[in-house]
Amino acid sequence: STKKIGATTEIRITDNGNGIPKEILSKIFEPFFTTKPTGKGTGLGLSMSYEIITQGHGGDLKVETKKGEGTTFIITLPN
């Protein structure tokens, strides 16, 4: 979903998966962090997205997650 809030635009991307476990939540934006087996993922997707949104566009990227209910990534960009 998208929504204009004052001088920003908010984009929310939500899934209905298992949620992100609390023990790894603080690591998900770190470069090379992955939960996939060795050789199956680089762990760069979220860290690159975070850098592009925050440094490249002056926005913000946050995550909300609930065990067993899903996860929402919230992107906020200046208009």
PDB file of N, CA and C in Angstrom:
ATOM      1  N   SER A   1       0.845  -1.175   0.000  1.00  0.00           N
ATOM      2  CA  SER A   1       0.000   0.000   0.000  1.00  0.00           C
ATOM      3  C   SER A   1       0.890   1.238   0.000  1.00  0.00           C
ATOM      4  N   THR A   2       0.351   2.327  -0.489  1.00  0.00           N
ATOM      5  CA  THR A   2       1.070   3.603  -0.495  1.00  0.00           C
ATOM      6  C   THR A   2       0.173   4.678   0.102  1.00  0.00           C
ATOM      7  N   LYS A   3       0.828   5.669   0.715  1.00  0.00           N
ATOM      8  CA  LYS A   3       0.067   6.739   1.352  1.00  0.00           C
ATOM      9  C   LYS A   3       0.957   7.968   1.452  1.00  0.00           C
ATOM     10  N   LYS A   4       0.404   9.124   1.120  1.00  0.00           N
ATOM     11  CA  LYS A   4       1.120  10.377   1.297  1.00  0.00           C
ATOM     12  C   LYS A   4       0.850  10.879   2.712  1.00  0.00           C
ATOM     13  N   ILE A   5       1.942  11.166   3.440  1.00  0.00           N
ATOM     14  CA  ILE A   5       1.828  11.664   4.811  1.00  0.00           C
ATOM     15  C   ILE A   5       2.660  12.939   4.894  1.00  0.00           C
ATOM     16  N   GLY A   6       1.999  14.072   4.812  1.00  0.00           N
ATOM     17  CA  GLY A   6       2.709  15.355   4.855  1.00  0.00           C
ATOM     18  C   GLY A   6       3.705  15.457   3.721  1.00  0.00           C
ATOM     19  N   ALA A   7       4.979  15.633   4.057  1.00  0.00           N
ATOM     20  CA  ALA A   7       6.033  15.801   3.070  1.00  0.00           C
ATOM     21  C   ALA A   7       6.702  14.480   2.705  1.00  0.00           C
ATOM     22  N   THR A   8       6.069  13.350   3.066  1.00  0.00           N
ATOM     23  CA  THR A   8       6.658  12.046   2.757  1.00  0.00           C
ATOM     24  C   THR A   8       5.628  11.129   2.110  1.00  0.00           C
ATOM     25  N   THR A   9       6.135  10.088   1.485  1.00  0.00           N
ATOM     26  CA  THR A   9       5.312   9.017   0.956  1.00  0.00           C
ATOM     27  C   THR A   9       5.710   7.739   1.663  1.00  0.00           C
ATOM     28  N   GLU A  10       4.715   7.016   2.138  1.00  0.00           N
ATOM     29  CA  GLU A  10       4.957   5.757   2.842  1.00  0.00           C
ATOM     30  C   GLU A  10       4.523   4.597   1.964  1.00  0.00           C
ATOM     31  N   ILE A  11       5.401   3.614   1.846  1.00  0.00           N
ATOM     32  CA  ILE A  11       5.124   2.395   1.088  1.00  0.00           C
ATOM     33  C   ILE A  11       5.218   1.235   2.067  1.00  0.00           C
ATOM     34  N   ARG A  12       4.185   0.411   2.129  1.00  0.00           N
ATOM     35  CA  ARG A  12       4.167  -0.758   3.012  1.00  0.00           C
ATOM     36  C   ARG A  12       4.063  -2.024   2.176  1.00  0.00           C
ATOM     37  N   ILE A  13       4.960  -2.960   2.441  1.00  0.00           N
ATOM     38  CA  ILE A  13       4.960  -4.257   1.770  1.00  0.00           C
ATOM     39  C   ILE A  13       4.771  -5.303   2.861  1.00  0.00           C
ATOM     40  N   THR A  14       3.688  -6.056   2.762  1.00  0.00           N
ATOM     41  CA  THR A  14       3.302  -6.986   3.822  1.00  0.00           C
ATOM     42  C   THR A  14       3.167  -8.395   3.278  1.00  0.00           C
ATOM     43  N   ASP A  15       3.610  -9.368   4.094  1.00  0.00           N
ATOM     44  CA  ASP A  15       3.367 -10.769   3.757  1.00  0.00           C
ATOM     45  C   ASP A  15       2.601 -11.425   4.901  1.00  0.00           C
ATOM     46  N   ASN A  16       2.162 -12.635   4.683  1.00  0.00           N
ATOM     47  CA  ASN A  16       1.437 -13.364   5.723  1.00  0.00           C
ATOM     48  C   ASN A  16       2.201 -14.625   6.132  1.00  0.00           C
ATOM     49  N   GLY A  17       3.532 -14.514   6.130  1.00  0.00           N
ATOM     50  CA  GLY A  17       4.392 -15.649   6.473  1.00  0.00           C
ATOM     51  C   GLY A  17       4.495 -15.862   7.967  1.00  0.00           C
ATOM     52  N   ASN A  18       5.594 -16.483   8.363  1.00  0.00           N
ATOM     53  CA  ASN A  18       5.813 -16.850   9.761  1.00  0.00           C
ATOM     54  C   ASN A  18       6.330 -15.708  10.623  1.00  0.00           C
ATOM     55  N   GLY A  19       6.715 -14.592  10.027  1.00  0.00           N
ATOM     56  CA  GLY A  19       7.334 -13.507  10.780  1.00  0.00           C
ATOM     57  C   GLY A  19       8.829 -13.742  10.895  1.00  0.00           C
ATOM     58  N   ILE A  20       9.533 -12.746  11.363  1.00  0.00           N
ATOM     59  CA  ILE A  20      10.988 -12.827  11.519  1.00  0.00           C
ATOM     60  C   ILE A  20      11.271 -13.067  13.001  1.00  0.00           C
ATOM     61  N   PRO A  21      12.019 -14.121  13.327  1.00  0.00           N
ATOM     62  CA  PRO A  21      12.326 -14.400  14.735  1.00  0.00           C
ATOM     63  C   PRO A  21      13.060 -13.233  15.397  1.00  0.00           C
ATOM     64  N   LYS A  22      12.705 -12.953  16.655  1.00  0.00           N
ATOM     65  CA  LYS A  22      13.303 -11.834  17.390  1.00  0.00           C
ATOM     66  C   LYS A  22      14.819 -11.932  17.457  1.00  0.00           C
ATOM     67  N   GLU A  23      15.363 -13.145  17.550  1.00  0.00           N
ATOM     68  CA  GLU A  23      16.809 -13.308  17.707  1.00  0.00           C
ATOM     69  C   GLU A  23      17.610 -12.891  16.474  1.00  0.00           C
ATOM     70  N   ILE A  24      16.978 -12.794  15.314  1.00  0.00           N
ATOM     71  CA  ILE A  24      17.707 -12.356  14.118  1.00  0.00           C
ATOM     72  C   ILE A  24      17.243 -11.001  13.598  1.00  0.00           C
ATOM     73  N   LEU A  25      16.186 -10.460  14.172  1.00  0.00           N
ATOM     74  CA  LEU A  25      15.601  -9.212  13.680  1.00  0.00           C
ATOM     75  C   LEU A  25      16.606  -8.071  13.623  1.00  0.00           C
ATOM     76  N   SER A  26      17.478  -7.969  14.607  1.00  0.00           N
ATOM     77  CA  SER A  26      18.450  -6.866  14.637  1.00  0.00           C
ATOM     78  C   SER A  26      19.551  -7.018  13.591  1.00  0.00           C
ATOM     79  N   LYS A  27      19.636  -8.179  12.939  1.00  0.00           N
ATOM     80  CA  LYS A  27      20.707  -8.443  11.974  1.00  0.00           C
ATOM     81  C   LYS A  27      20.266  -8.364  10.513  1.00  0.00           C
ATOM     82  N   ILE A  28      18.975  -8.258  10.245  1.00  0.00           N
ATOM     83  CA  ILE A  28      18.496  -8.443   8.875  1.00  0.00           C
ATOM     84  C   ILE A  28      18.988  -7.406   7.878  1.00  0.00           C
ATOM     85  N   PHE A  29      19.379  -6.214   8.337  1.00  0.00           N
ATOM     86  CA  PHE A  29      19.874  -5.192   7.418  1.00  0.00           C
ATOM     87  C   PHE A  29      21.404  -5.201   7.321  1.00  0.00           C
ATOM     88  N   GLU A  30      22.065  -6.132   7.996  1.00  0.00           N
ATOM     89  CA  GLU A  30      23.527  -6.223   7.952  1.00  0.00           C
ATOM     90  C   GLU A  30      23.974  -6.906   6.651  1.00  0.00           C
ATOM     91  N   PRO A  31      25.036  -6.387   6.022  1.00  0.00           N
ATOM     92  CA  PRO A  31      25.551  -7.030   4.817  1.00  0.00           C
ATOM     93  C   PRO A  31      25.977  -8.473   5.095  1.00  0.00           C
ATOM     94  N   PHE A  32      25.668  -9.343   4.181  1.00  0.00           N
ATOM     95  CA  PHE A  32      26.044 -10.757   4.185  1.00  0.00           C
ATOM     96  C   PHE A  32      25.298 -11.604   5.204  1.00  0.00           C
ATOM     97  N   PHE A  33      24.302 -11.029   5.914  1.00  0.00           N
ATOM     98  CA  PHE A  33      23.508 -11.852   6.820  1.00  0.00           C
ATOM     99  C   PHE A  33      22.464 -12.609   6.014  1.00  0.00           C
ATOM    100  N   THR A  34      22.407 -13.902   6.197  1.00  0.00           N
ATOM    101  CA  THR A  34      21.404 -14.729   5.529  1.00  0.00           C
ATOM    102  C   THR A  34      21.030 -15.897   6.426  1.00  0.00           C
ATOM    103  N   THR A  35      19.825 -16.371   6.254  1.00  0.00           N
ATOM    104  CA  THR A  35      19.381 -17.563   6.971  1.00  0.00           C
ATOM    105  C   THR A  35      19.438 -18.779   6.053  1.00  0.00           C
ATOM    106  N   LYS A  36      19.855 -18.562   4.824  1.00  0.00           N
ATOM    107  CA  LYS A  36      19.941 -19.655   3.847  1.00  0.00           C
ATOM    108  C   LYS A  36      21.234 -20.444   4.049  1.00  0.00           C
ATOM    109  N   PRO A  37      21.250 -21.689   3.574  1.00  0.00           N
ATOM    110  CA  PRO A  37      22.476 -22.492   3.675  1.00  0.00           C
ATOM    111  C   PRO A  37      23.620 -21.866   2.875  1.00  0.00           C
ATOM    112  N   THR A  38      24.840 -22.197   3.233  1.00  0.00           N
ATOM    113  CA  THR A  38      26.030 -21.695   2.542  1.00  0.00           C
ATOM    114  C   THR A  38      25.905 -21.950   1.044  1.00  0.00           C
ATOM    115  N   GLY A  39      26.181 -20.910   0.266  1.00  0.00           N
ATOM    116  CA  GLY A  39      26.118 -21.019  -1.188  1.00  0.00           C
ATOM    117  C   GLY A  39      24.741 -20.781  -1.776  1.00  0.00           C
ATOM    118  N   LYS A  40      23.734 -20.570  -0.962  1.00  0.00           N
ATOM    119  CA  LYS A  40      22.362 -20.395  -1.460  1.00  0.00           C
ATOM    120  C   LYS A  40      21.861 -18.965  -1.393  1.00  0.00           C
ATOM    121  N   GLY A  41      22.627 -18.069  -0.808  1.00  0.00           N
ATOM    122  CA  GLY A  41      22.208 -16.673  -0.734  1.00  0.00           C
ATOM    123  C   GLY A  41      23.377 -15.799  -0.332  1.00  0.00           C
ATOM    124  N   THR A  42      23.395 -14.576  -0.820  1.00  0.00           N
ATOM    125  CA  THR A  42      24.516 -13.677  -0.512  1.00  0.00           C
ATOM    126  C   THR A  42      24.265 -12.838   0.724  1.00  0.00           C
ATOM    127  N   GLY A  43      23.006 -12.639   1.104  1.00  0.00           N
ATOM    128  CA  GLY A  43      22.701 -11.800   2.245  1.00  0.00           C
ATOM    129  C   GLY A  43      22.910 -10.321   1.972  1.00  0.00           C
ATOM    130  N   LEU A  44      22.771  -9.919   0.723  1.00  0.00           N
ATOM    131  CA  LEU A  44      22.995  -8.516   0.371  1.00  0.00           C
ATOM    132  C   LEU A  44      21.711  -7.746   0.056  1.00  0.00           C
ATOM    133  N   GLY A  45      20.619  -8.440  -0.184  1.00  0.00           N
ATOM    134  CA  GLY A  45      19.389  -7.783  -0.635  1.00  0.00           C
ATOM    135  C   GLY A  45      18.880  -6.693   0.286  1.00  0.00           C
ATOM    136  N   LEU A  46      18.653  -7.026   1.553  1.00  0.00           N
ATOM    137  CA  LEU A  46      18.112  -6.035   2.480  1.00  0.00           C
ATOM    138  C   LEU A  46      19.122  -4.952   2.826  1.00  0.00           C
ATOM    139  N   SER A  47      20.406  -5.306   2.924  1.00  0.00           N
ATOM    140  CA  SER A  47      21.402  -4.279   3.240  1.00  0.00           C
ATOM    141  C   SER A  47      21.528  -3.282   2.089  1.00  0.00           C
ATOM    142  N   MET A  48      21.476  -3.771   0.859  1.00  0.00           N
ATOM    143  CA  MET A  48      21.533  -2.864  -0.295  1.00  0.00           C
ATOM    144  C   MET A  48      20.273  -2.010  -0.373  1.00  0.00           C
ATOM    145  N   SER A  49      19.122  -2.612  -0.114  1.00  0.00           N
ATOM    146  CA  SER A  49      17.867  -1.855  -0.122  1.00  0.00           C
ATOM    147  C   SER A  49      17.903  -0.751   0.922  1.00  0.00           C
ATOM    148  N   TYR A  50      18.381  -1.085   2.114  1.00  0.00           N
ATOM    149  CA  TYR A  50      18.472  -0.104   3.199  1.00  0.00           C
ATOM    150  C   TYR A  50      19.367   1.068   2.796  1.00  0.00           C
ATOM    151  N   GLU A  51      20.506   0.757   2.212  1.00  0.00           N
ATOM    152  CA  GLU A  51      21.440   1.810   1.797  1.00  0.00           C
ATOM    153  C   GLU A  51      20.851   2.689   0.699  1.00  0.00           C
ATOM    154  N   ILE A  52      20.221   2.093  -0.284  1.00  0.00           N
ATOM    155  CA  ILE A  52      19.622   2.853  -1.385  1.00  0.00           C
ATOM    156  C   ILE A  52      18.525   3.777  -0.860  1.00  0.00           C
ATOM    157  N   ILE A  53      17.669   3.250   0.008  1.00  0.00           N
ATOM    158  CA  ILE A  53      16.549   4.042   0.519  1.00  0.00           C
ATOM    159  C   ILE A  53      17.026   5.151   1.444  1.00  0.00           C
ATOM    160  N   THR A  54      17.929   4.828   2.377  1.00  0.00           N
ATOM    161  CA  THR A  54      18.337   5.819   3.378  1.00  0.00           C
ATOM    162  C   THR A  54      19.389   6.792   2.863  1.00  0.00           C
ATOM    163  N   GLN A  55      20.416   6.291   2.222  1.00  0.00           N
ATOM    164  CA  GLN A  55      21.498   7.162   1.771  1.00  0.00           C
ATOM    165  C   GLN A  55      21.239   7.740   0.389  1.00  0.00           C
ATOM    166  N   GLY A  56      20.702   6.934  -0.501  1.00  0.00           N
ATOM    167  CA  GLY A  56      20.472   7.390  -1.869  1.00  0.00           C
ATOM    168  C   GLY A  56      19.275   8.304  -2.023  1.00  0.00           C
ATOM    169  N   HIS A  57      18.234   8.064  -1.213  1.00  0.00           N
ATOM    170  CA  HIS A  57      16.999   8.833  -1.367  1.00  0.00           C
ATOM    171  C   HIS A  57      16.597   9.616  -0.121  1.00  0.00           C
ATOM    172  N   GLY A  58      17.372   9.524   0.948  1.00  0.00           N
ATOM    173  CA  GLY A  58      17.067  10.275   2.157  1.00  0.00           C
ATOM    174  C   GLY A  58      15.822   9.800   2.880  1.00  0.00           C
ATOM    175  N   GLY A  59      15.493   8.528   2.698  1.00  0.00           N
ATOM    176  CA  GLY A  59      14.295   7.976   3.316  1.00  0.00           C
ATOM    177  C   GLY A  59      14.612   7.104   4.513  1.00  0.00           C
ATOM    178  N   ASP A  60      13.681   6.221   4.828  1.00  0.00           N
ATOM    179  CA  ASP A  60      13.834   5.328   5.964  1.00  0.00           C
ATOM    180  C   ASP A  60      13.236   3.970   5.607  1.00  0.00           C
ATOM    181  N   LEU A  61      13.794   2.918   6.180  1.00  0.00           N
ATOM    182  CA  LEU A  61      13.299   1.555   5.987  1.00  0.00           C
ATOM    183  C   LEU A  61      13.189   0.911   7.344  1.00  0.00           C
ATOM    184  N   LYS A  62      11.970   0.519   7.701  1.00  0.00           N
ATOM    185  CA  LYS A  62      11.710  -0.120   8.992  1.00  0.00           C
ATOM    186  C   LYS A  62      10.981  -1.437   8.758  1.00  0.00           C
ATOM    187  N   VAL A  63      10.960  -2.256   9.799  1.00  0.00           N
ATOM    188  CA  VAL A  63      10.272  -3.541   9.710  1.00  0.00           C
ATOM    189  C   VAL A  63       9.410  -3.750  10.946  1.00  0.00           C
ATOM    190  N   GLU A  64       8.209  -4.282  10.733  1.00  0.00           N
ATOM    191  CA  GLU A  64       7.330  -4.710  11.809  1.00  0.00           C
ATOM    192  C   GLU A  64       7.029  -6.180  11.550  1.00  0.00           C
ATOM    193  N   THR A  65       7.106  -7.012  12.585  1.00  0.00           N
ATOM    194  CA  THR A  65       6.883  -8.432  12.387  1.00  0.00           C
ATOM    195  C   THR A  65       6.179  -9.026  13.595  1.00  0.00           C
ATOM    196  N   LYS A  66       5.327 -10.008  13.343  1.00  0.00           N
ATOM    197  CA  LYS A  66       4.630 -10.729  14.406  1.00  0.00           C
ATOM    198  C   LYS A  66       4.743 -12.222  14.117  1.00  0.00           C
ATOM    199  N   LYS A  67       5.209 -12.945  15.101  1.00  0.00           N
ATOM    200  CA  LYS A  67       5.382 -14.390  14.952  1.00  0.00           C
ATOM    201  C   LYS A  67       4.054 -15.038  14.552  1.00  0.00           C
ATOM    202  N   GLY A  68       4.124 -15.822  13.480  1.00  0.00           N
ATOM    203  CA  GLY A  68       2.952 -16.535  13.004  1.00  0.00           C
ATOM    204  C   GLY A  68       1.959 -15.707  12.219  1.00  0.00           C
ATOM    205  N   GLU A  69       2.195 -14.405  12.090  1.00  0.00           N
ATOM    206  CA  GLU A  69       1.246 -13.539  11.389  1.00  0.00           C
ATOM    207  C   GLU A  69       1.822 -12.884  10.147  1.00  0.00           C
ATOM    208  N   GLY A  70       3.121 -12.602  10.130  1.00  0.00           N
ATOM    209  CA  GLY A  70       3.720 -11.994   8.955  1.00  0.00           C
ATOM    210  C   GLY A  70       4.606 -10.810   9.283  1.00  0.00           C
ATOM    211  N   THR A  71       5.069 -10.174   8.212  1.00  0.00           N
ATOM    212  CA  THR A  71       6.029  -9.077   8.319  1.00  0.00           C
ATOM    213  C   THR A  71       5.624  -7.952   7.387  1.00  0.00           C
ATOM    214  N   THR A  72       5.873  -6.723   7.835  1.00  0.00           N
ATOM    215  CA  THR A  72       5.652  -5.541   7.008  1.00  0.00           C
ATOM    216  C   THR A  72       6.929  -4.724   6.965  1.00  0.00           C
ATOM    217  N   PHE A  73       7.378  -4.415   5.763  1.00  0.00           N
ATOM    218  CA  PHE A  73       8.491  -3.486   5.572  1.00  0.00           C
ATOM    219  C   PHE A  73       7.875  -2.138   5.227  1.00  0.00           C
ATOM    220  N   ILE A  74       8.342  -1.090   5.915  1.00  0.00           N
ATOM    221  CA  ILE A  74       7.784   0.249   5.737  1.00  0.00           C
ATOM    222  C   ILE A  74       8.891   1.149   5.190  1.00  0.00           C
ATOM    223  N   ILE A  75       8.668   1.644   3.988  1.00  0.00           N
ATOM    224  CA  ILE A  75       9.599   2.551   3.325  1.00  0.00           C
ATOM    225  C   ILE A  75       8.989   3.942   3.373  1.00  0.00           C
ATOM    226  N   THR A  76       9.749   4.909   3.859  1.00  0.00           N
ATOM    227  CA  THR A  76       9.304   6.298   3.898  1.00  0.00           C
ATOM    228  C   THR A  76      10.276   7.116   3.062  1.00  0.00           C
ATOM    229  N   LEU A  77       9.742   7.847   2.085  1.00  0.00           N
ATOM    230  CA  LEU A  77      10.566   8.662   1.192  1.00  0.00           C
ATOM    231  C   LEU A  77      10.067  10.108   1.197  1.00  0.00           C
ATOM    232  N   PRO A  78      11.018  11.043   1.139  1.00  0.00           N
ATOM    233  CA  PRO A  78      10.578  12.447   1.026  1.00  0.00           C
ATOM    234  C   PRO A  78       9.936  12.693  -0.336  1.00  0.00           C
ATOM    235  N   ASN A  79       8.943  13.584  -0.366  1.00  0.00           N
ATOM    236  CA  ASN A  79       8.281  13.909  -1.645  1.00  0.00           C
ATOM    237  C   ASN A  79       9.140  14.836  -2.469  1.00  0.00           C
TER     238      ASN A  79
END
